[in-house]
């Protein structure tokens, strides 16, 4: 059993496992060298290339999991959708009417991006850590299909479409749910050991719209995978106002973006594993500041199982040596010792005055220290990572 899978299944591990969204990406010189020779879709659709790229960060860093190199838009081609990137997803023929929805086909699960399953098998043969598969949530895929160029204004056109065309919206989301469920099942059958459902645009919706068009379809996908035996991660971006609705989903792990403190999320998601949530821009800070920001996240993640990650995908300007320093800091942080130290500081008796304080004032006797020294001169219970 791996530390990543232990934490994903709900174990409050002594060390937080770490992996990084987009860890095989543009911040790596070796990735850019491959990208100079091959187009993005070729890299995704060629199993040998996808497997090679997936493994690149593991050759540099002692990460606790790998995530398959692909894109959430990958399965849409098998619905008859033409997707390009400029640099974000661009749909040649946006879906706007019921007739547009009707034209979309839903292939059999094994026929959805079969090259992905092939890449999974190749990675598993060489990967020393668990492999994560993934897909886009129905709501997020629908957002791009309807309004692929609307990211700058929070996809206002898509939200308007939901209000104007609810019947077409539900039909589209139903098809995307079927597609996504089959796609993830094929990845699981090929060997991925966890799956993540990316809901990148959930946070653009109000709670009412999310309850109608987001949560029910994410729930169907996650529920359909409940018998698979693999941990399910749900990551909704900008969803601090949706946590009450998100908490009803059946995922074992909930990704939290950088805008919501983990201790706040833990109160809304008791008993669940949290994933996240360092601000990706912190990787551009000086190493000492980066390490302190990471420790803040680790301290906020105490009180339950935690998978350390960024609060969004890693940025192209992240220096690889800073990534190495981040991983080192996370590995050095003893969560159990830190939790004991925190709990001791929060106990009422720790702050209450000693009963014999009055007597000491009369006698002038010194009060005993509440800290017991260790062999390293560090107070007991202080996390070992505090000196790293």
Protein backbone atom coordinates (compact mmCIF):
# COMPACT_ATOMS: atom_id res chain seq x y z
CA UNK A 1 0.00 0.00 0.00
CA UNK A 2 1.27 3.49 -0.80
CA UNK A 3 1.17 6.62 1.35
CA UNK A 4 -0.89 8.33 -1.36
CA UNK A 5 -3.52 5.60 -1.44
CA UNK A 6 -3.60 5.39 2.36
CA UNK A 7 -4.38 9.09 2.64
CA UNK A 8 -6.82 9.01 -0.28
CA UNK A 9 -8.73 6.24 1.48
CA UNK A 10 -9.01 8.25 4.67
CA UNK A 11 -5.93 7.46 6.75
CA UNK A 12 -4.52 10.40 8.71
CA UNK A 13 -0.93 9.73 7.67
CA UNK A 14 2.13 11.01 9.54
CA UNK A 15 3.38 12.65 6.35
CA UNK A 16 1.24 14.28 3.70
CA UNK A 17 1.75 12.63 0.29
CA UNK A 18 2.47 15.13 -2.46
CA UNK A 19 1.71 15.26 -6.15
CA UNK A 20 1.22 18.36 -8.30
CA UNK A 21 -1.48 19.13 -10.84
CA UNK A 22 0.12 19.50 -14.29
CA UNK A 23 3.34 18.08 -12.83
CA UNK A 24 4.30 16.91 -16.33
CA UNK A 25 4.11 20.33 -17.92
CA UNK A 26 5.71 23.46 -19.32
CA UNK A 27 7.86 24.30 -16.28
CA UNK A 28 10.04 21.29 -17.16
CA UNK A 29 12.75 21.87 -19.81
CA UNK A 30 12.52 18.22 -20.87
CA UNK A 31 8.78 18.62 -21.51
CA UNK A 32 9.41 21.69 -23.64
CA UNK A 33 12.03 19.80 -25.62
CA UNK A 34 9.39 17.19 -26.54
CA UNK A 35 6.83 19.90 -27.29
CA UNK A 36 9.20 21.50 -29.80
CA UNK A 37 9.01 18.32 -31.87
CA UNK A 38 5.37 17.33 -31.40
CA UNK A 39 2.01 19.08 -31.32
CA UNK A 40 -0.12 18.98 -28.18
CA UNK A 41 -2.76 16.60 -29.53
CA UNK A 42 -0.04 14.30 -30.87
CA UNK A 43 1.48 14.21 -27.37
CA UNK A 44 -1.90 13.28 -25.88
CA UNK A 45 -2.94 10.75 -28.53
CA UNK A 46 0.37 8.94 -29.03
CA UNK A 47 0.52 6.40 -26.16
CA UNK A 48 4.32 6.19 -26.19
CA UNK A 49 4.67 9.97 -25.95
CA UNK A 50 1.94 10.32 -23.32
CA UNK A 51 3.58 7.62 -21.19
CA UNK A 52 7.03 9.19 -21.55
CA UNK A 53 5.71 12.63 -20.54
CA UNK A 54 3.75 11.22 -17.60
CA UNK A 55 6.95 9.78 -16.16
CA UNK A 56 9.14 12.88 -16.69
CA UNK A 57 8.55 14.50 -13.26
CA UNK A 58 9.17 11.19 -11.48
CA UNK A 59 12.68 11.13 -12.90
CA UNK A 60 13.36 14.51 -11.26
CA UNK A 61 11.35 14.46 -8.05
CA UNK A 62 10.33 11.96 -5.32
CA UNK A 63 6.61 12.49 -5.86
CA UNK A 64 4.04 10.19 -4.26
CA UNK A 65 1.78 9.81 -7.30
CA UNK A 66 1.76 10.29 -11.06
CA UNK A 67 -1.08 11.72 -13.14
CA UNK A 68 -1.57 10.64 -16.71
CA UNK A 69 -0.56 13.21 -19.31
CA UNK A 70 -3.73 14.07 -21.22
CA UNK A 71 -6.39 16.80 -21.34
CA UNK A 72 -9.97 17.00 -20.12
CA UNK A 73 -11.10 17.75 -23.70
CA UNK A 74 -9.69 14.45 -25.02
CA UNK A 75 -12.90 12.36 -25.07
CA UNK A 76 -14.95 15.02 -26.86
CA UNK A 77 -13.47 14.10 -30.25
CA UNK A 78 -15.37 10.82 -30.10
CA UNK A 79 -18.62 12.77 -29.77
CA UNK A 80 -17.88 14.41 -33.10
CA UNK A 81 -16.46 17.62 -31.63
CA UNK A 82 -13.44 19.37 -33.15
CA UNK A 83 -11.24 20.93 -30.45
CA UNK A 84 -8.24 23.18 -30.89
CA UNK A 85 -6.21 25.27 -28.44
CA UNK A 86 -5.46 29.02 -28.69
CA UNK A 87 -4.15 28.64 -25.99
CA UNK A 88 -7.34 27.56 -24.18
CA UNK A 89 -9.88 25.15 -25.71
CA UNK A 90 -11.63 26.39 -28.84
CA UNK A 91 -14.65 24.54 -30.23
CA UNK A 92 -15.11 24.84 -33.98
CA UNK A 93 -18.89 24.40 -33.81
CA UNK A 94 -20.23 25.48 -30.40
CA UNK A 95 -23.24 23.66 -28.99
CA UNK A 96 -26.11 26.12 -28.62
CA UNK A 97 -29.39 24.44 -29.63
CA UNK A 98 -31.24 21.20 -28.99
CA UNK A 99 -30.36 20.18 -32.54
CA UNK A 100 -26.67 20.71 -31.73
CA UNK A 101 -27.03 18.49 -28.67
CA UNK A 102 -28.85 15.83 -30.67
CA UNK A 103 -25.95 15.61 -33.14
CA UNK A 104 -23.48 14.65 -30.42
CA UNK A 105 -22.93 10.91 -30.27
CA UNK A 106 -22.04 8.92 -27.17
CA UNK A 107 -19.74 6.02 -28.12
CA UNK A 108 -19.36 2.80 -26.18
CA UNK A 109 -16.92 3.19 -23.25
CA UNK A 110 -14.18 1.16 -24.90
CA UNK A 111 -14.37 3.35 -27.99
CA UNK A 112 -13.69 6.60 -26.09
CA UNK A 113 -10.07 7.65 -26.63
CA UNK A 114 -8.70 4.06 -26.60
CA UNK A 115 -5.14 5.40 -26.85
CA UNK A 116 -5.52 6.64 -23.26
CA UNK A 117 -6.01 3.10 -21.96
CA UNK A 118 -2.95 2.01 -23.93
CA UNK A 119 -0.89 4.79 -22.35
CA UNK A 120 -2.12 3.79 -18.89
CA UNK A 121 -0.81 0.26 -19.41
CA UNK A 122 2.57 1.56 -20.56
CA UNK A 123 2.90 3.86 -17.56
CA UNK A 124 1.92 1.16 -15.07
CA UNK A 125 4.73 -1.07 -16.34
CA UNK A 126 7.33 1.57 -15.37
CA UNK A 127 5.71 3.71 -12.68
CA UNK A 128 6.90 3.24 -9.07
CA UNK A 129 3.98 5.19 -7.55
CA UNK A 130 0.18 5.12 -7.99
CA UNK A 131 -1.16 6.47 -11.26
CA UNK A 132 -4.09 8.90 -11.31
CA UNK A 133 -6.51 9.04 -14.21
CA UNK A 134 -8.86 11.95 -14.77
CA UNK A 135 -11.69 13.53 -16.70
CA UNK A 136 -13.56 16.80 -16.89
CA UNK A 137 -16.84 17.00 -15.00
CA UNK A 138 -19.97 17.25 -17.18
CA UNK A 139 -20.57 20.87 -16.18
CA UNK A 140 -17.06 21.97 -17.12
CA UNK A 141 -17.12 20.12 -20.46
CA UNK A 142 -20.49 21.72 -21.21
CA UNK A 143 -19.04 25.14 -20.38
CA UNK A 144 -16.40 24.75 -23.08
CA UNK A 145 -18.79 23.25 -25.63
CA UNK A 146 -21.18 26.18 -25.31
CA UNK A 147 -18.81 29.08 -24.59
CA UNK A 148 -15.23 28.03 -25.33
CA UNK A 149 -13.90 31.58 -25.48
CA UNK A 150 -15.62 32.96 -22.40
CA UNK A 151 -13.09 32.42 -19.65
CA UNK A 152 -12.28 36.13 -19.24
CA UNK A 153 -15.78 37.03 -18.07
CA UNK A 154 -16.37 33.85 -16.07
CA UNK A 155 -18.33 32.25 -18.91
CA UNK A 156 -21.26 34.62 -18.55
CA UNK A 157 -22.62 33.44 -21.90
CA UNK A 158 -22.75 29.87 -20.61
CA UNK A 159 -24.59 30.91 -17.47
CA UNK A 160 -27.06 32.84 -19.59
CA UNK A 161 -27.53 29.77 -21.80
CA UNK A 162 -28.38 27.66 -18.74
CA UNK A 163 -31.12 30.14 -17.85
CA UNK A 164 -32.49 30.37 -21.41
CA UNK A 165 -32.12 26.75 -22.53
CA UNK A 166 -32.54 24.49 -19.50
CA UNK A 167 -33.97 21.58 -21.52
CA UNK A 168 -31.03 21.57 -23.95
CA UNK A 169 -28.65 22.01 -21.02
CA UNK A 170 -29.94 18.94 -19.20
CA UNK A 171 -29.81 16.85 -22.36
CA UNK A 172 -26.23 17.94 -23.01
CA UNK A 173 -25.19 17.25 -19.43
CA UNK A 174 -26.82 13.81 -19.54
CA UNK A 175 -24.79 12.88 -22.63
CA UNK A 176 -21.58 14.22 -21.08
CA UNK A 177 -22.24 12.26 -17.89
CA UNK A 178 -22.55 9.04 -19.87
CA UNK A 179 -19.39 9.85 -21.84
CA UNK A 180 -17.36 10.76 -18.74
CA UNK A 181 -18.47 7.73 -16.75
CA UNK A 182 -17.48 5.36 -19.54
CA UNK A 183 -14.20 7.16 -20.11
CA UNK A 184 -13.18 6.90 -16.46
CA UNK A 185 -14.28 3.27 -16.28
CA UNK A 186 -12.01 2.47 -19.22
CA UNK A 187 -9.08 4.16 -17.46
CA UNK A 188 -9.77 2.17 -14.29
CA UNK A 189 -9.96 -1.07 -16.27
CA UNK A 190 -6.60 -0.20 -17.86
CA UNK A 191 -4.97 0.20 -14.44
CA UNK A 192 -5.24 3.71 -12.95
CA UNK A 193 -5.33 3.54 -9.15
CA UNK A 194 -7.29 6.75 -8.49
CA UNK A 195 -9.35 9.14 -10.58
CA UNK A 196 -9.88 12.89 -10.39
CA UNK A 197 -12.94 14.71 -11.71
CA UNK A 198 -11.98 18.27 -12.64
CA UNK A 199 -14.85 20.77 -12.30
CA UNK A 200 -12.90 23.84 -13.34
CA UNK A 201 -15.92 26.12 -13.83
CA UNK A 202 -18.19 25.01 -10.98
CA UNK A 203 -17.26 28.12 -9.03
CA UNK A 204 -18.65 30.39 -11.74
CA UNK A 205 -22.16 29.26 -10.87
CA UNK A 206 -24.42 30.42 -8.06
CA UNK A 207 -25.44 27.75 -5.53
CA UNK A 208 -28.87 27.51 -7.19
CA UNK A 209 -27.42 26.95 -10.68
CA UNK A 210 -24.84 24.50 -9.35
CA UNK A 211 -27.54 22.48 -7.56
CA UNK A 212 -29.47 22.20 -10.82
CA UNK A 213 -26.75 21.84 -13.46
CA UNK A 214 -23.53 20.88 -11.67
CA UNK A 215 -23.88 18.76 -8.56
CA UNK A 216 -26.40 16.19 -9.88
CA UNK A 217 -24.24 15.26 -12.87
CA UNK A 218 -20.97 15.14 -10.92
CA UNK A 219 -22.81 12.93 -8.43
CA UNK A 220 -23.91 10.52 -11.16
CA UNK A 221 -20.34 10.11 -12.41
CA UNK A 222 -18.88 9.61 -8.94
CA UNK A 223 -21.67 7.27 -7.81
CA UNK A 224 -21.26 5.14 -10.95
CA UNK A 225 -17.59 4.58 -10.00
CA UNK A 226 -18.34 3.68 -6.41
CA UNK A 227 -17.90 -0.05 -7.01
CA UNK A 228 -14.55 0.39 -8.77
CA UNK A 229 -12.45 0.22 -5.61
CA UNK A 230 -10.33 3.24 -6.55
CA UNK A 231 -10.37 6.55 -4.63
CA UNK A 232 -12.35 9.33 -6.33
CA UNK A 233 -11.17 12.95 -6.17
CA UNK A 234 -13.50 15.86 -6.94
CA UNK A 235 -11.88 19.23 -7.58
CA UNK A 236 -14.17 22.23 -8.02
CA UNK A 237 -12.34 25.51 -8.62
CA UNK A 238 -13.53 28.69 -6.88
CA UNK A 239 -16.19 26.72 -5.05
CA UNK A 240 -15.95 28.13 -1.52
CA UNK A 241 -19.61 29.18 -1.75
CA UNK A 242 -20.62 25.68 -2.88
CA UNK A 243 -19.03 23.58 -0.13
CA UNK A 244 -22.36 22.62 1.43
CA UNK A 245 -23.51 21.18 -1.90
CA UNK A 246 -20.10 19.71 -2.73
CA UNK A 247 -20.14 17.88 0.63
CA UNK A 248 -23.04 15.70 -0.56
CA UNK A 249 -20.90 14.09 -3.28
CA UNK A 250 -19.57 10.57 -2.77
CA UNK A 251 -15.89 11.29 -3.49
CA UNK A 252 -13.30 10.13 -0.98
CA UNK A 253 -11.10 13.17 -1.66
CA UNK A 254 -11.98 16.81 -2.25
CA UNK A 255 -9.55 19.16 -3.95
CA UNK A 256 -9.56 22.69 -2.53
CA UNK A 257 -8.23 25.66 -4.47
CA UNK A 258 -5.86 28.23 -2.97
CA UNK A 259 -8.61 30.68 -2.02
CA UNK A 260 -10.17 28.53 0.73
CA UNK A 261 -8.11 27.67 3.83
CA UNK A 262 -7.99 23.93 4.42
CA UNK A 263 -9.20 24.25 8.01
CA UNK A 264 -12.29 26.07 6.71
CA UNK A 265 -12.87 23.33 4.14
CA UNK A 266 -12.38 20.63 6.78
CA UNK A 267 -15.28 22.01 8.80
CA UNK A 268 -17.50 21.77 5.72
CA UNK A 269 -16.16 18.32 4.72
CA UNK A 270 -15.68 16.41 8.00
CA UNK A 271 -14.19 12.95 7.75
CA UNK A 272 -13.07 13.40 4.13
CA UNK A 273 -9.57 13.59 2.71
CA UNK A 274 -8.62 17.10 1.59
CA UNK A 275 -6.26 17.81 -1.28
CA UNK A 276 -4.36 21.06 -1.84
CA UNK A 277 -3.87 23.87 -1.70
CA UNK A 278 -0.72 25.99 -2.02
CA UNK A 279 -1.14 29.04 -4.25
CA UNK A 280 0.75 28.09 -7.45
CA UNK A 281 2.37 31.53 -7.55
CA UNK A 282 4.14 30.76 -4.25
CA UNK A 283 6.56 28.60 -6.23
CA UNK A 284 8.10 31.79 -7.64
CA UNK A 285 8.95 33.09 -4.14
CA UNK A 286 12.33 32.82 -2.49
CA UNK A 287 12.83 29.28 -1.12
CA UNK A 288 12.51 30.33 2.55
CA UNK A 289 9.21 32.08 1.88
CA UNK A 290 7.99 29.15 -0.22
CA UNK A 291 8.74 26.71 2.58
CA UNK A 292 6.88 28.83 5.13
CA UNK A 293 3.84 29.07 2.84
CA UNK A 294 3.92 25.28 2.44
CA UNK A 295 4.08 24.79 6.20
CA UNK A 296 1.08 27.08 6.62
CA UNK A 297 -0.89 24.84 4.28
CA UNK A 298 0.33 21.73 6.10
CA UNK A 299 -0.71 23.17 9.47
CA UNK A 300 -4.14 24.09 8.08
CA UNK A 301 -4.47 20.52 6.78
CA UNK A 302 -4.13 18.95 10.23
CA UNK A 303 -7.11 17.27 11.84
CA UNK A 304 -7.72 14.66 9.14
CA UNK A 305 -6.21 13.06 6.04
CA UNK A 306 -4.43 15.43 3.65
CA UNK A 307 -2.92 15.07 0.19
CA UNK A 308 -0.59 18.01 -0.42
CA UNK A 309 -0.96 19.68 -3.80
CA UNK A 310 -1.20 23.11 -5.31
CA UNK A 311 -4.52 24.93 -5.32
CA UNK A 312 -4.48 24.79 -9.13
CA UNK A 313 -2.13 23.56 -11.85
CA UNK A 314 1.55 24.42 -11.69
CA UNK A 315 2.49 27.51 -13.72
CA UNK A 316 5.08 27.54 -16.53
CA UNK A 317 7.20 30.06 -14.58
CA UNK A 318 7.74 27.73 -11.60
CA UNK A 319 11.49 27.03 -11.21
CA UNK A 320 12.10 23.26 -11.02
CA UNK A 321 14.55 23.71 -8.14
CA UNK A 322 11.77 25.41 -6.15
CA UNK A 323 9.55 22.41 -6.84
CA UNK A 324 12.28 20.19 -5.41
CA UNK A 325 12.49 22.40 -2.31
CA UNK A 326 8.72 22.26 -1.86
CA UNK A 327 8.69 18.47 -2.00
CA UNK A 328 11.55 18.33 0.49
CA UNK A 329 9.65 20.60 2.91
CA UNK A 330 6.46 18.55 2.65
CA UNK A 331 8.36 15.32 3.23
CA UNK A 332 10.05 16.79 6.31
CA UNK A 333 6.82 17.89 8.02
CA UNK A 334 5.66 15.46 10.74
CA UNK A 335 1.87 15.89 10.82
CA UNK A 336 1.31 13.80 13.93
CA UNK A 337 3.91 15.71 15.95
CA UNK A 338 2.49 19.01 14.69
CA UNK A 339 -1.04 17.96 15.64
CA UNK A 340 0.10 16.99 19.14
CA UNK A 341 1.86 20.32 19.52
CA UNK A 342 -1.24 22.21 18.35
CA UNK A 343 -3.58 20.21 20.58
CA UNK A 344 -1.37 20.74 23.62
CA UNK A 345 -1.34 24.48 23.00
CA UNK A 346 -5.13 24.55 22.70
CA UNK A 347 -5.91 22.57 25.87
CA UNK A 348 -7.65 24.76 28.49
CA UNK A 349 -5.21 23.72 31.17
CA UNK A 350 -2.32 25.00 29.06
CA UNK A 351 -3.66 28.54 29.34
CA UNK A 352 -5.15 28.32 32.84
CA UNK A 353 -3.15 29.78 35.78
CA UNK A 354 -1.50 27.28 38.08
CA UNK A 355 -3.31 26.78 41.37
CA UNK A 356 -0.18 27.54 43.36
CA UNK A 357 0.69 30.77 41.53
CA UNK A 358 -0.35 32.79 44.58
CA UNK A 359 1.98 30.80 46.80
CA UNK A 360 4.83 31.31 44.39
CA UNK A 361 4.25 35.04 44.43
CA UNK A 362 4.69 34.97 48.21
CA UNK A 363 7.79 32.77 48.13
CA UNK A 364 9.34 34.09 44.92
CA UNK A 365 9.79 30.52 43.63
CA UNK A 366 10.15 30.28 39.82
CA UNK A 367 7.39 28.67 37.77
CA UNK A 368 8.34 25.43 35.99
CA UNK A 369 8.64 25.55 32.20
CA UNK A 370 5.81 24.00 30.16
CA UNK A 371 8.34 22.86 27.55
CA UNK A 372 10.39 19.74 28.00
CA UNK A 373 13.66 19.85 26.06
CA UNK A 374 14.57 17.24 23.50
CA UNK A 375 17.99 16.00 22.63
CA UNK A 376 18.11 18.58 19.83
CA UNK A 377 17.04 21.40 22.15
CA UNK A 378 13.65 21.64 20.42
CA UNK A 379 10.43 21.63 22.49
CA UNK A 380 8.71 18.25 22.42
CA UNK A 381 5.92 18.04 19.88
CA UNK A 382 7.44 20.59 17.48
CA UNK A 383 7.31 19.20 13.93
CA UNK A 384 10.66 17.95 12.71
CA UNK A 385 10.11 19.92 9.50
CA UNK A 386 10.25 23.17 11.45
CA UNK A 387 14.04 23.19 11.25
CA UNK A 388 14.26 22.12 7.59
